Amino acid sequence: MRTISQVAELTGISTRTLQYYDEIGLLKPSELTESGYRLYDDEALQKLQQILFFKELEFKLKEIKEILQKPNFDKIKAFKKQKELLLLKRNRTDRLIQLLSRLEKGGEQCMSFKEFDLSDYIAALEDFKNNSTDDVIKYFGSIENFDMCIQKVRDNESEVAKLAIKQFGSIEKYTEAMKHNLEHFSELMETQLTEEVKEIERQTDILYGRLTADLSEDVSSPKIQSIVHELLQFIQKNCADASLDEPYINVLIDTYSSDYIKSITDSKYGKGASDYIVKAFHYYLENNAPENN
């Protein structure tokens, strides 16, 4: 058994921090003396070691507590994953140091950007696809759909990298955050279905229902085109990346032309609904989209 002062000296963590970990239920002492002093055994120290590894990887204390309290928590598996993430972090830091060393040599111009690529993130997506097939199919519809998502990241790597740096400060932090999200993907998907999101889905469903209520009506009719415009405005209002311009409408057209989305749409709104939506969007694009006015 070690006293709180001995643990603090051994680990470099302050006694106040250890007391705080006790207060929030993250790391309880193994026992208390009659005088109320905290004592820690080897098992507690091993748990503390896990906590420190997670902290090094920038997990929040709340997240660490939730992970450690899971009944199926596997220490060995956690160590392996932590080692993998720390190696990625070290390798990336080494590459950045090497780049800075070259840059500091007498004003040398070194236009290297490989230190800022998304290869680690893309590898994490591939790993998620291979190891979480059920979640991929459940939330993306099929492995092929997820492959398309990965390909979009590859095709737009520079733009994704710019957004990642803007939002997270670095590609490394972005990658670590995304890996954490992938590891807890199913939980996050379940909790993200807020009432607001559900309401947006309900309103969207109503608009598509109105659009496909009579598939015999000409898509060029003012009524149908008014619904299309209303639908696009609603999407633009509730989706940050959406717009009423040609590129985004083409994305919608491509989406409803895919076999997977077509089968879902037709089963929901009636056979031929997906083709009807595509025709309605095409007409809008050719006659009503901003660039064509």
Foldseek 3Di string as FASTA:
>chain_A
DAFLVRLCVVPVNDSVVVVVCCVVVNQNAPDADPVGTGHHDPVSVLSVVLVVLVVVLVDDSVVSSVQVPDPPRDPVVSVVVSVVLVVVVVVLVVVVVVVVVQCPPPNDDDPDDPSAWQPLLLVLLVVLCVPVVVVCCVPQVHSVSSVVVSVVCVVPGVVVSVVQCVVQVGSSRSSSVVSVCSVCVVVVVVVPCDPVVVVLVVVLLVLLLLLLVDLVDDLPDPVNLVSVVVNQVSCVVVPVPGDLADVRLVVLLVQLVDPRNVVVQCVSRNHPSSVSVNVNSVSCNCPPGPVND
